[in-house]
Amino acid sequence: LAHLPTNHGPLGLMGFSQAGWVIPLAAKENPNVSFMVLFSGP
């Protein structure tokens, strides 16, 4: 976010497999995250 212009659009997390456990925790931690995409996330 610190390196993007103001009109950067939504910020999300995209991850793979084991990230299915990490991303929800990170999204809960950071209110700037507005969406998440998970490939084969349990």
Full PDB file with SEQRES, HELIX, SHEET, SSBOND, CRYST1, ORIGX, SCALE, CONECT and MASTER records, all heavy atoms in Angstrom:
SEQRES   1 A   42  LEU ALA HIS LEU PRO THR ASN HIS GLY PRO LEU GLY LEU          
SEQRES   2 A   42  MET GLY PHE SER GLN ALA GLY TRP VAL ILE PRO LEU ALA          
SEQRES   3 A   42  ALA LYS GLU ASN PRO ASN VAL SER PHE MET VAL LEU PHE          
SEQRES   4 A   42  SER GLY PRO                                                  
HELIX    1 AA1 ALA A   19  GLU A   29  1                                  11    
SHEET    1 AA1 2 GLY A  12  PHE A  16  0                                        
SHEET    2 AA1 2 PHE A  35  PHE A  39  1                                        
CRYST1    1.000    1.000    1.000  90.00  90.00  90.00 P 1           1          
ORIGX1      1.000000  0.000000  0.000000        0.00000                         
ORIGX2      0.000000  1.000000  0.000000        0.00000                         
ORIGX3      0.000000  0.000000  1.000000        0.00000                         
SCALE1      1.000000  0.000000  0.000000        0.00000                         
SCALE2      0.000000  1.000000  0.000000        0.00000                         
SCALE3      0.000000  0.000000  1.000000        0.00000                         
ATOM      1  N   LEU A   1       0.825  -1.209   0.000  1.00  0.00           N  
ATOM      2  CA  LEU A   1       0.000   0.000   0.000  1.00  0.00           C  
ATOM      3  C   LEU A   1       0.864   1.266   0.000  1.00  0.00           C  
ATOM      4  O   LEU A   1       0.522   2.264  -0.646  1.00  0.00           O  
ATOM      5  CB  LEU A   1      -0.914   0.012   1.218  1.00  0.00           C  
ATOM      6  CG  LEU A   1      -2.170  -0.856   1.159  1.00  0.00           C  
ATOM      7  CD1 LEU A   1      -2.940  -0.745   2.468  1.00  0.00           C  
ATOM      8  CD2 LEU A   1      -3.049  -0.455  -0.015  1.00  0.00           C  
ATOM      9  N   ALA A   2       1.975   1.221   0.712  1.00  0.00           N  
ATOM     10  CA  ALA A   2       2.836   2.395   0.810  1.00  0.00           C  
ATOM     11  C   ALA A   2       3.476   2.767  -0.522  1.00  0.00           C  
ATOM     12  O   ALA A   2       3.943   3.902  -0.689  1.00  0.00           O  
ATOM     13  CB  ALA A   2       3.929   2.154   1.858  1.00  0.00           C  
ATOM     14  N   HIS A   3       3.480   1.850  -1.477  1.00  0.00           N  
ATOM     15  CA  HIS A   3       4.109   2.097  -2.776  1.00  0.00           C  
ATOM     16  C   HIS A   3       3.089   2.282  -3.900  1.00  0.00           C  
ATOM     17  O   HIS A   3       3.461   2.352  -5.065  1.00  0.00           O  
ATOM     18  CB  HIS A   3       5.047   0.943  -3.142  1.00  0.00           C  
ATOM     19  CG  HIS A   3       6.304   0.912  -2.324  1.00  0.00           C  
ATOM     20  ND1 HIS A   3       6.348   0.380  -1.058  1.00  0.00           N  
ATOM     21  CD2 HIS A   3       7.567   1.368  -2.609  1.00  0.00           C  
ATOM     22  CE1 HIS A   3       7.581   0.495  -0.589  1.00  0.00           C  
ATOM     23  NE2 HIS A   3       8.326   1.087  -1.496  1.00  0.00           N  
ATOM     24  N   LEU A   4       1.801   2.376  -3.544  1.00  0.00           N  
ATOM     25  CA  LEU A   4       0.760   2.498  -4.558  1.00  0.00           C  
ATOM     26  C   LEU A   4       0.108   3.873  -4.508  1.00  0.00           C  
ATOM     27  O   LEU A   4       0.075   4.512  -3.448  1.00  0.00           O  
ATOM     28  CB  LEU A   4      -0.305   1.418  -4.352  1.00  0.00           C  
ATOM     29  CG  LEU A   4       0.130  -0.033  -4.543  1.00  0.00           C  
ATOM     30  CD1 LEU A   4      -1.055  -0.965  -4.292  1.00  0.00           C  
ATOM     31  CD2 LEU A   4       0.704  -0.266  -5.931  1.00  0.00           C  
ATOM     32  N   PRO A   5      -0.457   4.324  -5.626  1.00  0.00           N  
ATOM     33  CA  PRO A   5      -1.194   5.593  -5.619  1.00  0.00           C  
ATOM     34  C   PRO A   5      -2.493   5.446  -4.825  1.00  0.00           C  
ATOM     35  O   PRO A   5      -2.915   4.334  -4.493  1.00  0.00           O  
ATOM     36  CB  PRO A   5      -1.476   5.833  -7.107  1.00  0.00           C  
ATOM     37  CG  PRO A   5      -1.464   4.468  -7.719  1.00  0.00           C  
ATOM     38  CD  PRO A   5      -0.417   3.704  -6.960  1.00  0.00           C  
ATOM     39  N   THR A   6      -3.118   6.572  -4.532  1.00  0.00           N  
ATOM     40  CA  THR A   6      -4.343   6.555  -3.725  1.00  0.00           C  
ATOM     41  C   THR A   6      -5.445   5.722  -4.375  1.00  0.00           C  
ATOM     42  O   THR A   6      -6.165   4.976  -3.708  1.00  0.00           O  
ATOM     43  CB  THR A   6      -4.850   7.989  -3.498  1.00  0.00           C  
ATOM     44  OG1 THR A   6      -3.812   8.755  -2.877  1.00  0.00           O  
ATOM     45  CG2 THR A   6      -6.087   7.992  -2.617  1.00  0.00           C  
ATOM     46  N   ASN A   7      -5.572   5.829  -5.696  1.00  0.00           N  
ATOM     47  CA  ASN A   7      -6.623   5.102  -6.418  1.00  0.00           C  
ATOM     48  C   ASN A   7      -6.117   3.734  -6.887  1.00  0.00           C  
ATOM     49  O   ASN A   7      -6.174   3.404  -8.064  1.00  0.00           O  
ATOM     50  CB  ASN A   7      -7.113   5.917  -7.610  1.00  0.00           C  
ATOM     51  CG  ASN A   7      -5.987   6.273  -8.576  1.00  0.00           C  
ATOM     52  OD1 ASN A   7      -4.824   6.257  -8.208  1.00  0.00           O  
ATOM     53  ND2 ASN A   7      -6.353   6.605  -9.811  1.00  0.00           N  
ATOM     54  N   HIS A   8      -5.643   2.942  -5.945  1.00  0.00           N  
ATOM     55  CA  HIS A   8      -5.027   1.658  -6.291  1.00  0.00           C  
ATOM     56  C   HIS A   8      -6.036   0.530  -6.451  1.00  0.00           C  
ATOM     57  O   HIS A   8      -5.676  -0.570  -6.865  1.00  0.00           O  
ATOM     58  CB  HIS A   8      -4.008   1.266  -5.223  1.00  0.00           C  
ATOM     59  CG  HIS A   8      -4.564   1.261  -3.827  1.00  0.00           C  
ATOM     60  ND1 HIS A   8      -5.466   0.324  -3.378  1.00  0.00           N  
ATOM     61  CD2 HIS A   8      -4.343   2.111  -2.791  1.00  0.00           C  
ATOM     62  CE1 HIS A   8      -5.773   0.581  -2.111  1.00  0.00           C  
ATOM     63  NE2 HIS A   8      -5.119   1.662  -1.727  1.00  0.00           N  
ATOM     64  N   GLY A   9      -7.303   0.772  -6.138  1.00  0.00           N  
ATOM     65  CA  GLY A   9      -8.286  -0.299  -6.188  1.00  0.00           C  
ATOM     66  C   GLY A   9      -8.204  -1.156  -4.939  1.00  0.00           C  
ATOM     67  O   GLY A   9      -7.410  -0.895  -4.038  1.00  0.00           O  
ATOM     68  N   PRO A  10      -9.003  -2.220  -4.853  1.00  0.00           N  
ATOM     69  CA  PRO A  10      -9.027  -3.055  -3.645  1.00  0.00           C  
ATOM     70  C   PRO A  10      -7.718  -3.816  -3.453  1.00  0.00           C  
ATOM     71  O   PRO A  10      -7.043  -4.187  -4.413  1.00  0.00           O  
ATOM     72  CB  PRO A  10     -10.190  -4.011  -3.902  1.00  0.00           C  
ATOM     73  CG  PRO A  10     -10.303  -4.078  -5.390  1.00  0.00           C  
ATOM     74  CD  PRO A  10      -9.952  -2.703  -5.880  1.00  0.00           C  
ATOM     75  N   LEU A  11      -7.370  -4.045  -2.207  1.00  0.00           N  
ATOM     76  CA  LEU A  11      -6.169  -4.804  -1.851  1.00  0.00           C  
ATOM     77  C   LEU A  11      -6.578  -6.170  -1.330  1.00  0.00           C  
ATOM     78  O   LEU A  11      -7.471  -6.273  -0.477  1.00  0.00           O  
ATOM     79  CB  LEU A  11      -5.369  -4.069  -0.773  1.00  0.00           C  
ATOM     80  CG  LEU A  11      -4.210  -4.854  -0.153  1.00  0.00           C  
ATOM     81  CD1 LEU A  11      -3.071  -5.008  -1.150  1.00  0.00           C  
ATOM     82  CD2 LEU A  11      -3.726  -4.177   1.130  1.00  0.00           C  
ATOM     83  N   GLY A  12      -5.928  -7.216  -1.836  1.00  0.00           N  
ATOM     84  CA  GLY A  12      -6.260  -8.559  -1.387  1.00  0.00           C  
ATOM     85  C   GLY A  12      -5.040  -9.428  -1.160  1.00  0.00           C  
ATOM     86  O   GLY A  12      -3.898  -9.022  -1.412  1.00  0.00           O  
ATOM     87  N   LEU A  13      -5.285 -10.626  -0.675  1.00  0.00           N  
ATOM     88  CA  LEU A  13      -4.260 -11.638  -0.476  1.00  0.00           C  
ATOM     89  C   LEU A  13      -4.562 -12.818  -1.388  1.00  0.00           C  
ATOM     90  O   LEU A  13      -5.712 -13.259  -1.474  1.00  0.00           O  
ATOM     91  CB  LEU A  13      -4.245 -12.112   0.980  1.00  0.00           C  
ATOM     92  CG  LEU A  13      -3.948 -11.050   2.038  1.00  0.00           C  
ATOM     93  CD1 LEU A  13      -4.190 -11.617   3.437  1.00  0.00           C  
ATOM     94  CD2 LEU A  13      -2.514 -10.553   1.917  1.00  0.00           C  
ATOM     95  N   MET A  14      -3.546 -13.301  -2.080  1.00  0.00           N  
ATOM     96  CA  MET A  14      -3.697 -14.466  -2.940  1.00  0.00           C  
ATOM     97  C   MET A  14      -2.668 -15.504  -2.509  1.00  0.00           C  
ATOM     98  O   MET A  14      -1.483 -15.186  -2.358  1.00  0.00           O  
ATOM     99  CB  MET A  14      -3.489 -14.105  -4.419  1.00  0.00           C  
ATOM    100  CG  MET A  14      -3.522 -15.312  -5.360  1.00  0.00           C  
ATOM    101  SD  MET A  14      -3.173 -14.875  -7.100  1.00  0.00           S  
ATOM    102  CE  MET A  14      -4.719 -14.071  -7.540  1.00  0.00           C  
ATOM    103  N   GLY A  15      -3.114 -16.737  -2.312  1.00  0.00           N  
ATOM    104  CA  GLY A  15      -2.172 -17.740  -1.836  1.00  0.00           C  
ATOM    105  C   GLY A  15      -2.503 -19.129  -2.300  1.00  0.00           C  
ATOM    106  O   GLY A  15      -3.524 -19.376  -2.951  1.00  0.00           O  
ATOM    107  N   PHE A  16      -1.645 -20.049  -1.923  1.00  0.00           N  
ATOM    108  CA  PHE A  16      -1.632 -21.374  -2.502  1.00  0.00           C  
ATOM    109  C   PHE A  16      -1.519 -22.433  -1.406  1.00  0.00           C  
ATOM    110  O   PHE A  16      -0.620 -22.367  -0.557  1.00  0.00           O  
ATOM    111  CB  PHE A  16      -0.468 -21.496  -3.491  1.00  0.00           C  
ATOM    112  CG  PHE A  16      -0.371 -20.276  -4.379  1.00  0.00           C  
ATOM    113  CD1 PHE A  16       0.462 -19.222  -4.063  1.00  0.00           C  
ATOM    114  CD2 PHE A  16      -1.184 -20.163  -5.498  1.00  0.00           C  
ATOM    115  CE1 PHE A  16       0.522 -18.081  -4.843  1.00  0.00           C  
ATOM    116  CE2 PHE A  16      -1.137 -19.026  -6.297  1.00  0.00           C  
ATOM    117  CZ  PHE A  16      -0.285 -17.986  -5.967  1.00  0.00           C  
ATOM    118  N   SER A  17      -2.464 -23.355  -1.406  1.00  0.00           N  
ATOM    119  CA  SER A  17      -2.393 -24.526  -0.556  1.00  0.00           C  
ATOM    120  C   SER A  17      -2.332 -24.154   0.915  1.00  0.00           C  
ATOM    121  O   SER A  17      -3.328 -23.743   1.497  1.00  0.00           O  
ATOM    122  CB  SER A  17      -1.189 -25.375  -0.988  1.00  0.00           C  
ATOM    123  OG  SER A  17      -1.278 -26.662  -0.474  1.00  0.00           O  
ATOM    124  N   GLN A  18      -1.165 -24.296   1.546  1.00  0.00           N  
ATOM    125  CA  GLN A  18      -1.035 -24.030   2.972  1.00  0.00           C  
ATOM    126  C   GLN A  18      -1.460 -22.613   3.347  1.00  0.00           C  
ATOM    127  O   GLN A  18      -1.841 -22.347   4.489  1.00  0.00           O  
ATOM    128  CB  GLN A  18       0.408 -24.271   3.414  1.00  0.00           C  
ATOM    129  CG  GLN A  18       0.579 -24.330   4.925  1.00  0.00           C  
ATOM    130  CD  GLN A  18       2.018 -24.491   5.325  1.00  0.00           C  
ATOM    131  OE1 GLN A  18       2.751 -23.512   5.403  1.00  0.00           O  
ATOM    132  NE2 GLN A  18       2.439 -25.721   5.552  1.00  0.00           N  
ATOM    133  N   ALA A  19      -1.445 -21.710   2.374  1.00  0.00           N  
ATOM    134  CA  ALA A  19      -1.896 -20.340   2.625  1.00  0.00           C  
ATOM    135  C   ALA A  19      -3.373 -20.300   3.007  1.00  0.00           C  
ATOM    136  O   ALA A  19      -3.854 -19.283   3.509  1.00  0.00           O  
ATOM    137  CB  ALA A  19      -1.658 -19.468   1.395  1.00  0.00           C  
ATOM    138  N   GLY A  20      -4.094 -21.389   2.790  1.00  0.00           N  
ATOM    139  CA  GLY A  20      -5.485 -21.468   3.212  1.00  0.00           C  
ATOM    140  C   GLY A  20      -5.651 -21.303   4.712  1.00  0.00           C  
ATOM    141  O   GLY A  20      -6.729 -20.914   5.188  1.00  0.00           O  
ATOM    142  N   TRP A  21      -4.616 -21.588   5.475  1.00  0.00           N  
ATOM    143  CA  TRP A  21      -4.623 -21.332   6.919  1.00  0.00           C  
ATOM    144  C   TRP A  21      -4.038 -19.967   7.246  1.00  0.00           C  
ATOM    145  O   TRP A  21      -4.465 -19.329   8.203  1.00  0.00           O  
ATOM    146  CB  TRP A  21      -3.814 -22.416   7.647  1.00  0.00           C  
ATOM    147  CG  TRP A  21      -4.392 -23.785   7.528  1.00  0.00           C  
ATOM    148  CD1 TRP A  21      -5.690 -24.166   7.750  1.00  0.00           C  
ATOM    149  CD2 TRP A  21      -3.696 -24.976   7.144  1.00  0.00           C  
ATOM    150  NE1 TRP A  21      -5.844 -25.509   7.530  1.00  0.00           N  
ATOM    151  CE2 TRP A  21      -4.635 -26.048   7.155  1.00  0.00           C  
ATOM    152  CE3 TRP A  21      -2.373 -25.254   6.790  1.00  0.00           C  
ATOM    153  CZ2 TRP A  21      -4.291 -27.351   6.830  1.00  0.00           C  
ATOM    154  CZ3 TRP A  21      -2.031 -26.556   6.463  1.00  0.00           C  
ATOM    155  CH2 TRP A  21      -2.988 -27.601   6.487  1.00  0.00           C  
ATOM    156  N   VAL A  22      -3.061 -19.509   6.454  1.00  0.00           N  
ATOM    157  CA  VAL A  22      -2.360 -18.260   6.757  1.00  0.00           C  
ATOM    158  C   VAL A  22      -3.189 -17.034   6.386  1.00  0.00           C  
ATOM    159  O   VAL A  22      -3.283 -16.066   7.159  1.00  0.00           O  
ATOM    160  CB  VAL A  22      -1.000 -18.223   6.017  1.00  0.00           C  
ATOM    161  CG1 VAL A  22      -0.309 -16.888   6.227  1.00  0.00           C  
ATOM    162  CG2 VAL A  22      -0.108 -19.376   6.482  1.00  0.00           C  
ATOM    163  N   ILE A  23      -3.802 -17.054   5.212  1.00  0.00           N  
ATOM    164  CA  ILE A  23      -4.487 -15.865   4.705  1.00  0.00           C  
ATOM    165  C   ILE A  23      -5.648 -15.412   5.584  1.00  0.00           C  
ATOM    166  O   ILE A  23      -5.769 -14.203   5.876  1.00  0.00           O  
ATOM    167  CB  ILE A  23      -4.926 -16.080   3.239  1.00  0.00           C  
ATOM    168  CG1 ILE A  23      -3.698 -15.952   2.323  1.00  0.00           C  
ATOM    169  CG2 ILE A  23      -6.013 -15.096   2.823  1.00  0.00           C  
ATOM    170  CD1 ILE A  23      -3.990 -16.169   0.850  1.00  0.00           C  
ATOM    171  N   PRO A  24      -6.550 -16.291   6.047  1.00  0.00           N  
ATOM    172  CA  PRO A  24      -7.615 -15.795   6.927  1.00  0.00           C  
ATOM    173  C   PRO A  24      -7.075 -15.127   8.188  1.00  0.00           C  
ATOM    174  O   PRO A  24      -7.637 -14.134   8.657  1.00  0.00           O  
ATOM    175  CB  PRO A  24      -8.414 -17.070   7.257  1.00  0.00           C  
ATOM    176  CG  PRO A  24      -8.169 -17.973   6.084  1.00  0.00           C  
ATOM    177  CD  PRO A  24      -6.740 -17.718   5.715  1.00  0.00           C  
ATOM    178  N   LEU A  25      -5.985 -15.668   8.738  1.00  0.00           N  
ATOM    179  CA  LEU A  25      -5.375 -15.053   9.918  1.00  0.00           C  
ATOM    180  C   LEU A  25      -4.832 -13.667   9.584  1.00  0.00           C  
ATOM    181  O   LEU A  25      -4.996 -12.723  10.359  1.00  0.00           O  
ATOM    182  CB  LEU A  25      -4.249 -15.942  10.445  1.00  0.00           C  
ATOM    183  CG  LEU A  25      -4.653 -17.302  11.005  1.00  0.00           C  
ATOM    184  CD1 LEU A  25      -3.411 -18.166  11.266  1.00  0.00           C  
ATOM    185  CD2 LEU A  25      -5.455 -17.141  12.300  1.00  0.00           C  
ATOM    186  N   ALA A  26      -4.171 -13.553   8.424  1.00  0.00           N  
ATOM    187  CA  ALA A  26      -3.610 -12.261   8.013  1.00  0.00           C  
ATOM    188  C   ALA A  26      -4.712 -11.243   7.726  1.00  0.00           C  
ATOM    189  O   ALA A  26      -4.593 -10.064   8.078  1.00  0.00           O  
ATOM    190  CB  ALA A  26      -2.729 -12.449   6.779  1.00  0.00           C  
ATOM    191  N   ALA A  27      -5.786 -11.681   7.075  1.00  0.00           N  
ATOM    192  CA  ALA A  27      -6.898 -10.784   6.759  1.00  0.00           C  
ATOM    193  C   ALA A  27      -7.583 -10.291   8.028  1.00  0.00           C  
ATOM    194  O   ALA A  27      -8.004  -9.129   8.110  1.00  0.00           O  
ATOM    195  CB  ALA A  27      -7.900 -11.493   5.859  1.00  0.00           C  
ATOM    196  N   LYS A  28      -7.677 -11.156   9.010  1.00  0.00           N  
ATOM    197  CA  LYS A  28      -8.264 -10.754  10.290  1.00  0.00           C  
ATOM    198  C   LYS A  28      -7.377  -9.742  10.994  1.00  0.00           C  
ATOM    199  O   LYS A  28      -7.856  -8.839  11.683  1.00  0.00           O  
ATOM    200  CB  LYS A  28      -8.467 -11.985  11.177  1.00  0.00           C  
ATOM    201  CG  LYS A  28      -9.175 -11.701  12.486  1.00  0.00           C  
ATOM    202  CD  LYS A  28      -9.344 -12.973  13.300  1.00  0.00           C  
ATOM    203  CE  LYS A  28     -10.002 -12.682  14.652  1.00  0.00           C  
ATOM    204  NZ  LYS A  28     -10.102 -13.909  15.485  1.00  0.00           N  
ATOM    205  N   GLU A  29      -6.065  -9.876  10.789  1.00  0.00           N  
ATOM    206  CA  GLU A  29      -5.090  -8.978  11.415  1.00  0.00           C  
ATOM    207  C   GLU A  29      -5.083  -7.595  10.777  1.00  0.00           C  
ATOM    208  O   GLU A  29      -4.854  -6.592  11.462  1.00  0.00           O  
ATOM    209  CB  GLU A  29      -3.684  -9.605  11.292  1.00  0.00           C  
ATOM    210  CG  GLU A  29      -2.529  -8.724  11.680  1.00  0.00           C  
ATOM    211  CD  GLU A  29      -2.392  -8.557  13.178  1.00  0.00           C  
ATOM    212  OE1 GLU A  29      -2.976  -9.372  13.934  1.00  0.00           O  
ATOM    213  OE2 GLU A  29      -1.729  -7.597  13.601  1.00  0.00           O  
ATOM    214  N   ASN A  30      -5.357  -7.517   9.456  1.00  0.00           N  
ATOM    215  CA  ASN A  30      -5.154  -6.274   8.727  1.00  0.00           C  
ATOM    216  C   ASN A  30      -6.453  -5.764   8.094  1.00  0.00           C  
ATOM    217  O   ASN A  30      -6.954  -6.346   7.133  1.00  0.00           O  
ATOM    218  CB  ASN A  30      -4.103  -6.486   7.633  1.00  0.00           C  
ATOM    219  CG  ASN A  30      -3.576  -5.186   7.074  1.00  0.00           C  
ATOM    220  OD1 ASN A  30      -4.307  -4.216   6.930  1.00  0.00           O  
ATOM    221  ND2 ASN A  30      -2.297  -5.170   6.739  1.00  0.00           N  
ATOM    222  N   PRO A  31      -7.005  -4.660   8.584  1.00  0.00           N  
ATOM    223  CA  PRO A  31      -8.266  -4.129   8.044  1.00  0.00           C  
ATOM    224  C   PRO A  31      -8.137  -3.570   6.632  1.00  0.00           C  
ATOM    225  O   PRO A  31      -9.156  -3.275   5.989  1.00  0.00           O  
ATOM    226  CB  PRO A  31      -8.646  -3.032   9.043  1.00  0.00           C  
ATOM    227  CG  PRO A  31      -7.342  -2.603   9.645  1.00  0.00           C  
ATOM    228  CD  PRO A  31      -6.507  -3.848   9.714  1.00  0.00           C  
ATOM    229  N   ASN A  32      -6.920  -3.400   6.126  1.00  0.00           N  
ATOM    230  CA  ASN A  32      -6.732  -2.897   4.764  1.00  0.00           C  
ATOM    231  C   ASN A  32      -7.034  -3.967   3.714  1.00  0.00           C  
ATOM    232  O   ASN A  32      -7.218  -3.636   2.541  1.00  0.00           O  
ATOM    233  CB  ASN A  32      -5.295  -2.404   4.572  1.00  0.00           C  
ATOM    234  CG  ASN A  32      -4.987  -1.159   5.377  1.00  0.00           C  
ATOM    235  OD1 ASN A  32      -5.776  -0.224   5.404  1.00  0.00           O  
ATOM    236  ND2 ASN A  32      -3.845  -1.150   6.053  1.00  0.00           N  
ATOM    237  N   VAL A  33      -7.065  -5.225   4.120  1.00  0.00           N  
ATOM    238  CA  VAL A  33      -7.325  -6.325   3.184  1.00  0.00           C  
ATOM    239  C   VAL A  33      -8.823  -6.426   2.945  1.00  0.00           C  
ATOM    240  O   VAL A  33      -9.609  -6.554   3.893  1.00  0.00           O  
ATOM    241  CB  VAL A  33      -6.787  -7.655   3.743  1.00  0.00           C  
ATOM    242  CG1 VAL A  33      -7.177  -8.819   2.831  1.00  0.00           C  
ATOM    243  CG2 VAL A  33      -5.270  -7.599   3.897  1.00  0.00           C  
ATOM    244  N   SER A  34      -9.227  -6.385   1.669  1.00  0.00           N  
ATOM    245  CA  SER A  34     -10.658  -6.391   1.358  1.00  0.00           C  
ATOM    246  C   SER A  34     -11.116  -7.617   0.569  1.00  0.00           C  
ATOM    247  O   SER A  34     -12.304  -7.776   0.315  1.00  0.00           O  
ATOM    248  CB  SER A  34     -11.034  -5.116   0.581  1.00  0.00           C  
ATOM    249  OG  SER A  34     -10.316  -5.040  -0.638  1.00  0.00           O  
ATOM    250  N   PHE A  35     -10.190  -8.489   0.159  1.00  0.00           N  
ATOM    251  CA  PHE A  35     -10.597  -9.740  -0.473  1.00  0.00           C  
ATOM    252  C   PHE A  35      -9.455 -10.741  -0.389  1.00  0.00           C  
ATOM    253  O   PHE A  35      -8.310 -10.395  -0.068  1.00  0.00           O  
ATOM    254  CB  PHE A  35     -11.014  -9.525  -1.936  1.00  0.00           C  
ATOM    255  CG  PHE A  35      -9.883  -9.176  -2.868  1.00  0.00           C  
ATOM    256  CD1 PHE A  35      -9.172 -10.159  -3.551  1.00  0.00           C  
ATOM    257  CD2 PHE A  35      -9.538  -7.848  -3.098  1.00  0.00           C  
ATOM    258  CE1 PHE A  35      -8.140  -9.832  -4.422  1.00  0.00           C  
ATOM    259  CE2 PHE A  35      -8.508  -7.504  -3.966  1.00  0.00           C  
ATOM    260  CZ  PHE A  35      -7.808  -8.508  -4.628  1.00  0.00           C  
ATOM    261  N   MET A  36      -9.765 -12.001  -0.655  1.00  0.00           N  
ATOM    262  CA  MET A  36      -8.746 -13.048  -0.646  1.00  0.00           C  
ATOM    263  C   MET A  36      -9.073 -14.075  -1.722  1.00  0.00           C  
ATOM    264  O   MET A  36     -10.235 -14.366  -1.996  1.00  0.00           O  
ATOM    265  CB  MET A  36      -8.649 -13.712   0.728  1.00  0.00           C  
ATOM    266  CG  MET A  36      -9.968 -14.177   1.306  1.00  0.00           C  
ATOM    267  SD  MET A  36      -9.809 -14.670   3.042  1.00  0.00           S  
ATOM    268  CE  MET A  36     -11.560 -14.887   3.469  1.00  0.00           C  
ATOM    269  N   VAL A  37      -8.031 -14.613  -2.330  1.00  0.00           N  
ATOM    270  CA  VAL A  37      -8.154 -15.643  -3.356  1.00  0.00           C  
ATOM    271  C   VAL A  37      -7.245 -16.794  -2.958  1.00  0.00           C  
ATOM    272  O   VAL A  37      -6.049 -16.597  -2.720  1.00  0.00           O  
ATOM    273  CB  VAL A  37      -7.750 -15.120  -4.747  1.00  0.00           C  
ATOM    274  CG1 VAL A  37      -7.836 -16.235  -5.780  1.00  0.00           C  
ATOM    275  CG2 VAL A  37      -8.618 -13.937  -5.151  1.00  0.00           C  
ATOM    276  N   LEU A  38      -7.817 -18.002  -2.887  1.00  0.00           N  
ATOM    277  CA  LEU A  38      -7.053 -19.154  -2.424  1.00  0.00           C  
ATOM    278  C   LEU A  38      -7.122 -20.291  -3.432  1.00  0.00           C  
ATOM    279  O   LEU A  38      -8.212 -20.759  -3.781  1.00  0.00           O  
ATOM    280  CB  LEU A  38      -7.573 -19.628  -1.063  1.00  0.00           C  
ATOM    281  CG  LEU A  38      -7.507 -18.562   0.026  1.00  0.00           C  
ATOM    282  CD1 LEU A  38      -8.907 -18.017   0.295  1.00  0.00           C  
ATOM    283  CD2 LEU A  38      -6.899 -19.101   1.300  1.00  0.00           C  
ATOM    284  N   PHE A  39      -5.976 -20.715  -3.901  1.00  0.00           N  
ATOM    285  CA  PHE A  39      -5.872 -21.867  -4.790  1.00  0.00           C  
ATOM    286  C   PHE A  39      -5.636 -23.113  -3.940  1.00  0.00           C  
ATOM    287  O   PHE A  39      -4.626 -23.216  -3.247  1.00  0.00           O  
ATOM    288  CB  PHE A  39      -4.712 -21.693  -5.774  1.00  0.00           C  
ATOM    289  CG  PHE A  39      -4.912 -20.613  -6.796  1.00  0.00           C  
ATOM    290  CD1 PHE A  39      -4.635 -19.291  -6.504  1.00  0.00           C  
ATOM    291  CD2 PHE A  39      -5.371 -20.928  -8.074  1.00  0.00           C  
ATOM    292  CE1 PHE A  39      -4.808 -18.296  -7.450  1.00  0.00           C  
ATOM    293  CE2 PHE A  39      -5.545 -19.931  -9.033  1.00  0.00           C  
ATOM    294  CZ  PHE A  39      -5.266 -18.612  -8.718  1.00  0.00           C  
ATOM    295  N   SER A  40      -6.579 -24.056  -3.980  1.00  0.00           N  
ATOM    296  CA  SER A  40      -6.464 -25.315  -3.233  1.00  0.00           C  
ATOM    297  C   SER A  40      -6.213 -25.077  -1.753  1.00  0.00           C  
ATOM    298  O   SER A  40      -5.423 -25.781  -1.118  1.00  0.00           O  
ATOM    299  CB  SER A  40      -5.341 -26.192  -3.823  1.00  0.00           C  
ATOM    300  OG  SER A  40      -5.585 -26.478  -5.170  1.00  0.00           O  
ATOM    301  N   GLY A  41      -6.888 -24.098  -1.194  1.00  0.00           N  
ATOM    302  CA  GLY A  41      -6.736 -23.791   0.219  1.00  0.00           C  
ATOM    303  C   GLY A  41      -7.670 -24.615   1.077  1.00  0.00           C  
ATOM    304  O   GLY A  41      -8.880 -24.603   0.871  1.00  0.00           O  
ATOM    305  N   PRO A  42      -7.164 -25.348   2.066  1.00  0.00           N  
ATOM    306  CA  PRO A  42      -8.016 -26.190   2.906  1.00  0.00           C  
ATOM    307  C   PRO A  42      -8.923 -25.359   3.812  1.00  0.00           C  
ATOM    308  O   PRO A  42      -8.498 -24.338   4.354  1.00  0.00           O  
ATOM    309  CB  PRO A  42      -7.016 -27.009   3.731  1.00  0.00           C  
ATOM    310  CG  PRO A  42      -5.788 -26.152   3.770  1.00  0.00           C  
ATOM    311  CD  PRO A  42      -5.743 -25.433   2.454  1.00  0.00           C  
TER     312      PRO A  42                                                      
MASTER        0    0    0    1    2    0    0    6  311    1    0    4          
END                                                                             
